[in-house]
Each structure stands twice: as structure tokens, then as C-alpha cells.
């Protein structure tokens, strides 16, 4: 994480989403007429993108969830997944806290 220049940025959702089949979710691609679905890790990160925590804070939070051995690549995995979500333009990074738009707070019905 030391070399990651955006570690102190806040991350926030930038797309509408909805729940499908229990705990799975889909995101409406803001750049194209398509729906995106994700594996568990990106889904967890998208839902965590509330604009209230920095990436560094979130990595430390996730590391604290492990009782014993923290996966050695946890920070890299989180950063890589966040960069993928950023590339899809469904999250954004900000130097200041972000108030999510109403349409991004809860899933669509």
C-alpha cells in the first residue's frame, strides 16, 4: 500500500445497483447499456464504497477482521479490485469525503 498514491482517497459508489438472487447484486453500467455482475470481493468493495472511509482506512479495517493470519496480499488484492471498479466507472476516488447521490445509496427495486 505504501506505493499506492491514492491510499488516502475516499472511495464512493458512482452507479445504481440492485440485488438479485439473495445476496448477489448487479450494477448498471453508467457508460454503456449493460448490467455488470461481480464475484464476492468486488461486490463487497462496491458496497463498502460509501464515501466515508479512505482506502487506507478500509484496508486496515479489513485486516482487523482476521483473527490470526492476515493474507499477505490483502492490501494488493483490495487495491487491484478497487482499480478495476474505478476503471468500470462505477466508483470514484476523492480527496474529500463524499455524500453519495440518493440513487447510489440503496439498491433499486
C-alpha atoms as a PDB file:
ATOM      1  CA  UNK A   1       0.000   0.000   0.000  1.00  0.00           C
ATOM      2  CA  UNK A   2       2.982   2.294   0.568  1.00  0.00           C
ATOM      3  CA  UNK A   3       3.443   2.911  -3.148  1.00  0.00           C
ATOM      4  CA  UNK A   4      -0.269   3.425  -3.869  1.00  0.00           C
ATOM      5  CA  UNK A   5      -0.726   7.160  -4.432  1.00  0.00           C
ATOM      6  CA  UNK A   6      -4.489   7.131  -3.798  1.00  0.00           C
ATOM      7  CA  UNK A   7      -4.397   5.328  -0.426  1.00  0.00           C
ATOM      8  CA  UNK A   8      -5.690   8.427   1.355  1.00  0.00           C
ATOM      9  CA  UNK A   9      -8.562   8.981  -1.071  1.00  0.00           C
ATOM     10  CA  UNK A  10     -12.141   8.233  -0.180  1.00  0.00           C
ATOM     11  CA  UNK A  11     -13.949   5.783  -2.436  1.00  0.00           C
ATOM     12  CA  UNK A  12     -17.603   6.129  -3.331  1.00  0.00           C
ATOM     13  CA  UNK A  13     -20.214   4.412  -5.476  1.00  0.00           C
ATOM     14  CA  UNK A  14     -20.937   6.113  -8.788  1.00  0.00           C
ATOM     15  CA  UNK A  15     -23.564   3.808 -10.244  1.00  0.00           C
ATOM     16  CA  UNK A  16     -27.016   2.449  -9.496  1.00  0.00           C
ATOM     17  CA  UNK A  17     -27.301  -1.142  -8.347  1.00  0.00           C
ATOM     18  CA  UNK A  18     -29.831  -3.728  -7.313  1.00  0.00           C
ATOM     19  CA  UNK A  19     -29.993  -7.052  -5.515  1.00  0.00           C
ATOM     20  CA  UNK A  20     -30.558 -10.240  -7.483  1.00  0.00           C
ATOM     21  CA  UNK A  21     -30.988 -13.744  -6.143  1.00  0.00           C
ATOM     22  CA  UNK A  22     -30.426 -13.284  -2.432  1.00  0.00           C
ATOM     23  CA  UNK A  23     -27.037 -11.734  -1.721  1.00  0.00           C
ATOM     24  CA  UNK A  24     -25.863 -11.246  -5.294  1.00  0.00           C
ATOM     25  CA  UNK A  25     -26.029  -7.846  -6.903  1.00  0.00           C
ATOM     26  CA  UNK A  26     -25.844  -6.197 -10.298  1.00  0.00           C
ATOM     27  CA  UNK A  27     -24.641  -2.732 -11.206  1.00  0.00           C
ATOM     28  CA  UNK A  28     -25.993  -0.630 -14.035  1.00  0.00           C
ATOM     29  CA  UNK A  29     -23.028   0.372 -16.166  1.00  0.00           C
ATOM     30  CA  UNK A  30     -23.091   4.190 -16.315  1.00  0.00           C
ATOM     31  CA  UNK A  31     -21.022   4.232 -19.531  1.00  0.00           C
ATOM     32  CA  UNK A  32     -22.891   1.655 -21.625  1.00  0.00           C
ATOM     33  CA  UNK A  33     -26.296  -0.011 -21.859  1.00  0.00           C
ATOM     34  CA  UNK A  34     -25.357  -3.118 -19.880  1.00  0.00           C
ATOM     35  CA  UNK A  35     -25.545  -4.710 -16.459  1.00  0.00           C
ATOM     36  CA  UNK A  36     -22.428  -5.761 -14.524  1.00  0.00           C
ATOM     37  CA  UNK A  37     -22.303  -8.649 -12.054  1.00  0.00           C
ATOM     38  CA  UNK A  38     -19.382  -9.446  -9.781  1.00  0.00           C
ATOM     39  CA  UNK A  39     -17.607 -12.090  -7.770  1.00  0.00           C
ATOM     40  CA  UNK A  40     -17.785 -11.663  -3.981  1.00  0.00           C
ATOM     41  CA  UNK A  41     -14.690  -9.438  -3.479  1.00  0.00           C
ATOM     42  CA  UNK A  42     -15.631  -6.681  -5.933  1.00  0.00           C
ATOM     43  CA  UNK A  43     -19.212  -6.839  -4.670  1.00  0.00           C
ATOM     44  CA  UNK A  44     -18.046  -6.314  -1.072  1.00  0.00           C
ATOM     45  CA  UNK A  45     -15.877  -3.389  -2.141  1.00  0.00           C
ATOM     46  CA  UNK A  46     -18.636  -1.777  -4.192  1.00  0.00           C
ATOM     47  CA  UNK A  47     -21.000  -1.941  -1.220  1.00  0.00           C
ATOM     48  CA  UNK A  48     -18.272  -0.553   1.068  1.00  0.00           C
ATOM     49  CA  UNK A  49     -17.790   2.435  -1.251  1.00  0.00           C
ATOM     50  CA  UNK A  50     -19.839   4.802   0.881  1.00  0.00           C
ATOM     51  CA  UNK A  51     -17.535   7.823   0.533  1.00  0.00           C
ATOM     52  CA  UNK A  52     -16.881   7.924   4.275  1.00  0.00           C
ATOM     53  CA  UNK A  53     -13.616   5.923   4.553  1.00  0.00           C
ATOM     54  CA  UNK A  54     -10.308   6.244   2.800  1.00  0.00           C
ATOM     55  CA  UNK A  55      -8.815   3.282   1.007  1.00  0.00           C
ATOM     56  CA  UNK A  56      -6.114   3.074   3.704  1.00  0.00           C
ATOM     57  CA  UNK A  57      -8.752   3.055   6.472  1.00  0.00           C
ATOM     58  CA  UNK A  58     -10.697   0.334   4.677  1.00  0.00           C
ATOM     59  CA  UNK A  59      -7.634  -1.871   4.222  1.00  0.00           C
ATOM     60  CA  UNK A  60      -6.847  -1.575   7.939  1.00  0.00           C
ATOM     61  CA  UNK A  61     -10.488  -2.298   8.760  1.00  0.00           C
ATOM     62  CA  UNK A  62     -10.437  -5.445   6.624  1.00  0.00           C
ATOM     63  CA  UNK A  63      -7.114  -6.571   8.121  1.00  0.00           C
ATOM     64  CA  UNK A  64      -8.677  -6.250  11.592  1.00  0.00           C
ATOM     65  CA  UNK A  65     -11.421  -8.701  10.559  1.00  0.00           C
ATOM     66  CA  UNK A  66      -8.902 -11.546  10.517  1.00  0.00           C
ATOM     67  CA  UNK A  67      -8.371 -13.137  13.923  1.00  0.00           C
ATOM     68  CA  UNK A  68      -4.981 -14.628  13.130  1.00  0.00           C
ATOM     69  CA  UNK A  69      -3.098 -14.526   9.883  1.00  0.00           C
ATOM     70  CA  UNK A  70      -3.800 -11.565   7.629  1.00  0.00           C
ATOM     71  CA  UNK A  71      -3.452 -12.651   3.997  1.00  0.00           C
ATOM     72  CA  UNK A  72      -0.094 -11.294   2.812  1.00  0.00           C
ATOM     73  CA  UNK A  73      -1.593  -9.802  -0.355  1.00  0.00           C
ATOM     74  CA  UNK A  74      -4.741  -8.347   1.251  1.00  0.00           C
ATOM     75  CA  UNK A  75      -3.848  -4.727   0.530  1.00  0.00           C
ATOM     76  CA  UNK A  76      -2.812  -5.506  -3.051  1.00  0.00           C
ATOM     77  CA  UNK A  77      -5.997  -7.504  -3.655  1.00  0.00           C
ATOM     78  CA  UNK A  78      -8.212  -4.686  -2.363  1.00  0.00           C
ATOM     79  CA  UNK A  79      -6.340  -2.041  -4.350  1.00  0.00           C
ATOM     80  CA  UNK A  80      -6.433  -4.109  -7.554  1.00  0.00           C
ATOM     81  CA  UNK A  81     -10.171  -4.718  -7.194  1.00  0.00           C
ATOM     82  CA  UNK A  82     -10.857  -1.039  -6.448  1.00  0.00           C
ATOM     83  CA  UNK A  83      -8.869  -0.021  -9.525  1.00  0.00           C
ATOM     84  CA  UNK A  84     -10.975  -2.395 -11.619  1.00  0.00           C
ATOM     85  CA  UNK A  85     -14.188  -0.864 -10.250  1.00  0.00           C
ATOM     86  CA  UNK A  86     -12.738   2.592 -10.933  1.00  0.00           C
ATOM     87  CA  UNK A  87     -11.911   1.549 -14.495  1.00  0.00           C
ATOM     88  CA  UNK A  88     -15.551   0.477 -14.948  1.00  0.00           C
ATOM     89  CA  UNK A  89     -16.501   3.967 -13.676  1.00  0.00           C
ATOM     90  CA  UNK A  90     -18.828   2.548 -11.032  1.00  0.00           C
ATOM     91  CA  UNK A  91     -16.828   4.007  -8.146  1.00  0.00           C
ATOM     92  CA  UNK A  92     -14.838   7.201  -7.858  1.00  0.00           C
ATOM     93  CA  UNK A  93     -11.913   8.359  -5.735  1.00  0.00           C
ATOM     94  CA  UNK A  94     -11.993  11.696  -3.923  1.00  0.00           C
ATOM     95  CA  UNK A  95      -9.581  13.662  -1.734  1.00  0.00           C
ATOM     96  CA  UNK A  96     -12.528  14.635   0.490  1.00  0.00           C
ATOM     97  CA  UNK A  97     -15.439  12.693   1.967  1.00  0.00           C
ATOM     98  CA  UNK A  98     -18.272  12.114  -0.467  1.00  0.00           C
ATOM     99  CA  UNK A  99     -22.002  12.308   0.106  1.00  0.00           C
ATOM    100  CA  UNK A 100     -23.462   9.618  -2.138  1.00  0.00           C
ATOM    101  CA  UNK A 101     -26.178  10.626  -4.555  1.00  0.00           C
ATOM    102  CA  UNK A 102     -29.554   9.332  -3.394  1.00  0.00           C
ATOM    103  CA  UNK A 103     -29.748   6.884  -6.317  1.00  0.00           C
ATOM    104  CA  UNK A 104     -26.464   5.234  -5.217  1.00  0.00           C
ATOM    105  CA  UNK A 105     -27.243   4.757  -1.522  1.00  0.00           C
ATOM    106  CA  UNK A 106     -29.755   1.902  -1.713  1.00  0.00           C
ATOM    107  CA  UNK A 107     -30.429  -0.728  -4.325  1.00  0.00           C
ATOM    108  CA  UNK A 108     -33.022  -0.058  -6.973  1.00  0.00           C
ATOM    109  CA  UNK A 109     -36.229  -2.003  -6.651  1.00  0.00           C
END
